[in-house]
Amino acid sequence: MLSFILRRLGTMALTMLCLTMVVFFLINLDPNLKKL
């Protein structure tokens, strides 16, 4: 049971990290496209 909870938390952390990176990338990409 504990390993299952830890795995769920790990998956959630990875998902949050990926979403944060994508949002950060899109926010940085927007002004760069406007410059072009």
PDB file of N, CA and C in Angstrom:
ATOM      1  N   MET A   1       0.841  -1.198   0.000  1.00  0.00           N
ATOM      2  CA  MET A   1       0.000   0.000   0.000  1.00  0.00           C
ATOM      3  C   MET A   1       0.880   1.253   0.000  1.00  0.00           C
ATOM      4  N   LEU A   2       1.912   1.256   0.853  1.00  0.00           N
ATOM      5  CA  LEU A   2       2.780   2.435   0.941  1.00  0.00           C
ATOM      6  C   LEU A   2       3.517   2.670  -0.376  1.00  0.00           C
ATOM      7  N   SER A   3       4.001   1.591  -0.990  1.00  0.00           N
ATOM      8  CA  SER A   3       4.718   1.740  -2.260  1.00  0.00           C
ATOM      9  C   SER A   3       3.785   2.288  -3.336  1.00  0.00           C
ATOM     10  N   PHE A   4       2.515   1.883  -3.296  1.00  0.00           N
ATOM     11  CA  PHE A   4       1.529   2.379  -4.260  1.00  0.00           C
ATOM     12  C   PHE A   4       1.339   3.885  -4.092  1.00  0.00           C
ATOM     13  N   ILE A   5       1.230   4.329  -2.834  1.00  0.00           N
ATOM     14  CA  ILE A   5       1.053   5.764  -2.555  1.00  0.00           C
ATOM     15  C   ILE A   5       2.291   6.538  -3.000  1.00  0.00           C
ATOM     16  N   LEU A   6       3.467   5.995  -2.719  1.00  0.00           N
ATOM     17  CA  LEU A   6       4.710   6.662  -3.116  1.00  0.00           C
ATOM     18  C   LEU A   6       4.797   6.764  -4.632  1.00  0.00           C
ATOM     19  N   ARG A   7       4.373   5.694  -5.323  1.00  0.00           N
ATOM     20  CA  ARG A   7       4.411   5.709  -6.785  1.00  0.00           C
ATOM     21  C   ARG A   7       3.449   6.759  -7.327  1.00  0.00           C
ATOM     22  N   ARG A   8       2.259   6.848  -6.694  1.00  0.00           N
ATOM     23  CA  ARG A   8       1.274   7.853  -7.123  1.00  0.00           C
ATOM     24  C   ARG A   8       1.836   9.257  -6.930  1.00  0.00           C
ATOM     25  N   LEU A   9       2.470   9.491  -5.774  1.00  0.00           N
ATOM     26  CA  LEU A   9       3.043  10.812  -5.499  1.00  0.00           C
ATOM     27  C   LEU A   9       4.164  11.125  -6.489  1.00  0.00           C
ATOM     28  N   GLY A  10       4.978  10.128  -6.804  1.00  0.00           N
ATOM     29  CA  GLY A  10       6.067  10.321  -7.763  1.00  0.00           C
ATOM     30  C   GLY A  10       5.531  10.673  -9.139  1.00  0.00           C
ATOM     31  N   THR A  11       4.478   9.964  -9.559  1.00  0.00           N
ATOM     32  CA  THR A  11       3.868  10.235 -10.861  1.00  0.00           C
ATOM     33  C   THR A  11       3.271  11.635 -10.886  1.00  0.00           C
ATOM     34  N   MET A  12       2.600  12.018  -9.800  1.00  0.00           N
ATOM     35  CA  MET A  12       2.007  13.353  -9.714  1.00  0.00           C
ATOM     36  C   MET A  12       3.089  14.423  -9.773  1.00  0.00           C
ATOM     37  N   ALA A  13       4.201  14.201  -9.069  1.00  0.00           N
ATOM     38  CA  ALA A  13       5.300  15.171  -9.053  1.00  0.00           C
ATOM     39  C   ALA A  13       5.889  15.323 -10.456  1.00  0.00           C
ATOM     40  N   LEU A  14       6.085  14.196 -11.151  1.00  0.00           N
ATOM     41  CA  LEU A  14       6.624  14.248 -12.512  1.00  0.00           C
ATOM     42  C   LEU A  14       5.676  14.988 -13.446  1.00  0.00           C
ATOM     43  N   THR A  15       4.366  14.705 -13.301  1.00  0.00           N
ATOM     44  CA  THR A  15       3.377  15.370 -14.153  1.00  0.00           C
ATOM     45  C   THR A  15       3.385  16.873 -13.906  1.00  0.00           C
ATOM     46  N   MET A  16       3.428  17.273 -12.636  1.00  0.00           N
ATOM     47  CA  MET A  16       3.452  18.697 -12.304  1.00  0.00           C
ATOM     48  C   MET A  16       4.710  19.356 -12.862  1.00  0.00           C
ATOM     49  N   LEU A  17       5.841  18.661 -12.773  1.00  0.00           N
ATOM     50  CA  LEU A  17       7.094  19.194 -13.289  1.00  0.00           C
ATOM     51  C   LEU A  17       7.011  19.394 -14.800  1.00  0.00           C
ATOM     52  N   CYS A  18       6.471  18.395 -15.510  1.00  0.00           N
ATOM     53  CA  CYS A  18       6.333  18.497 -16.967  1.00  0.00           C
ATOM     54  C   CYS A  18       5.413  19.650 -17.339  1.00  0.00           C
ATOM     55  N   LEU A  19       4.280  19.785 -16.632  1.00  0.00           N
ATOM     56  CA  LEU A  19       3.341  20.873 -16.930  1.00  0.00           C
ATOM     57  C   LEU A  19       3.991  22.227 -16.684  1.00  0.00           C
ATOM     58  N   THR A  20       4.754  22.338 -15.600  1.00  0.00           N
ATOM     59  CA  THR A  20       5.430  23.602 -15.297  1.00  0.00           C
ATOM     60  C   THR A  20       6.426  23.950 -16.395  1.00  0.00           C
ATOM     61  N   MET A  21       7.192  22.953 -16.858  1.00  0.00           N
ATOM     62  CA  MET A  21       8.164  23.184 -17.918  1.00  0.00           C
ATOM     63  C   MET A  21       7.479  23.624 -19.204  1.00  0.00           C
ATOM     64  N   VAL A  22       6.345  22.974 -19.551  1.00  0.00           N
ATOM     65  CA  VAL A  22       5.615  23.320 -20.775  1.00  0.00           C
ATOM     66  C   VAL A  22       5.094  24.752 -20.693  1.00  0.00           C
ATOM     67  N   VAL A  23       4.495  25.111 -19.549  1.00  0.00           N
ATOM     68  CA  VAL A  23       3.960  26.472 -19.378  1.00  0.00           C
ATOM     69  C   VAL A  23       5.099  27.490 -19.457  1.00  0.00           C
ATOM     70  N   PHE A  24       6.211  27.209 -18.778  1.00  0.00           N
ATOM     71  CA  PHE A  24       7.375  28.095 -18.796  1.00  0.00           C
ATOM     72  C   PHE A  24       7.894  28.272 -20.219  1.00  0.00           C
ATOM     73  N   PHE A  25       7.965  27.162 -20.970  1.00  0.00           N
ATOM     74  CA  PHE A  25       8.441  27.181 -22.352  1.00  0.00           C
ATOM     75  C   PHE A  25       7.528  28.030 -23.225  1.00  0.00           C
ATOM     76  N   LEU A  26       6.206  27.855 -23.065  1.00  0.00           N
ATOM     77  CA  LEU A  26       5.247  28.621 -23.870  1.00  0.00           C
ATOM     78  C   LEU A  26       5.314  30.108 -23.540  1.00  0.00           C
ATOM     79  N   ILE A  27       5.468  30.447 -22.259  1.00  0.00           N
ATOM     80  CA  ILE A  27       5.549  31.858 -21.856  1.00  0.00           C
ATOM     81  C   ILE A  27       6.808  32.492 -22.447  1.00  0.00           C
ATOM     82  N   ASN A  28       7.913  31.743 -22.467  1.00  0.00           N
ATOM     83  CA  ASN A  28       9.151  32.275 -23.037  1.00  0.00           C
ATOM     84  C   ASN A  28       9.080  32.329 -24.555  1.00  0.00           C
ATOM     85  N   LEU A  29       8.342  31.414 -25.167  1.00  0.00           N
ATOM     86  CA  LEU A  29       8.261  31.340 -26.622  1.00  0.00           C
ATOM     87  C   LEU A  29       7.445  32.498 -27.186  1.00  0.00           C
ATOM     88  N   ASP A  30       6.421  32.940 -26.459  1.00  0.00           N
ATOM     89  CA  ASP A  30       5.519  33.979 -26.957  1.00  0.00           C
ATOM     90  C   ASP A  30       6.247  35.273 -27.343  1.00  0.00           C
ATOM     91  N   PRO A  31       7.059  35.874 -26.466  1.00  0.00           N
ATOM     92  CA  PRO A  31       7.759  37.107 -26.860  1.00  0.00           C
ATOM     93  C   PRO A  31       8.774  36.876 -27.973  1.00  0.00           C
ATOM     94  N   ASN A  32       9.388  35.703 -28.009  1.00  0.00           N
ATOM     95  CA  ASN A  32      10.358  35.402 -29.064  1.00  0.00           C
ATOM     96  C   ASN A  32       9.679  35.372 -30.426  1.00  0.00           C
ATOM     97  N   LEU A  33       8.466  34.834 -30.495  1.00  0.00           N
ATOM     98  CA  LEU A  33       7.736  34.808 -31.762  1.00  0.00           C
ATOM     99  C   LEU A  33       7.341  36.220 -32.178  1.00  0.00           C
ATOM    100  N   LYS A  34       7.003  37.064 -31.214  1.00  0.00           N
ATOM    101  CA  LYS A  34       6.626  38.447 -31.533  1.00  0.00           C
ATOM    102  C   LYS A  34       7.827  39.223 -32.071  1.00  0.00           C
ATOM    103  N   LYS A  35       9.034  38.901 -31.583  1.00  0.00           N
ATOM    104  CA  LYS A  35      10.247  39.564 -32.073  1.00  0.00           C
ATOM    105  C   LYS A  35      10.486  39.225 -33.542  1.00  0.00           C
ATOM    106  N   LEU A  36      10.242  37.971 -33.897  1.00  0.00           N
ATOM    107  CA  LEU A  36      10.422  37.552 -35.284  1.00  0.00           C
ATOM    108  C   LEU A  36       9.361  38.215 -36.154  1.00  0.00           C
TER     109      LEU A  36
END
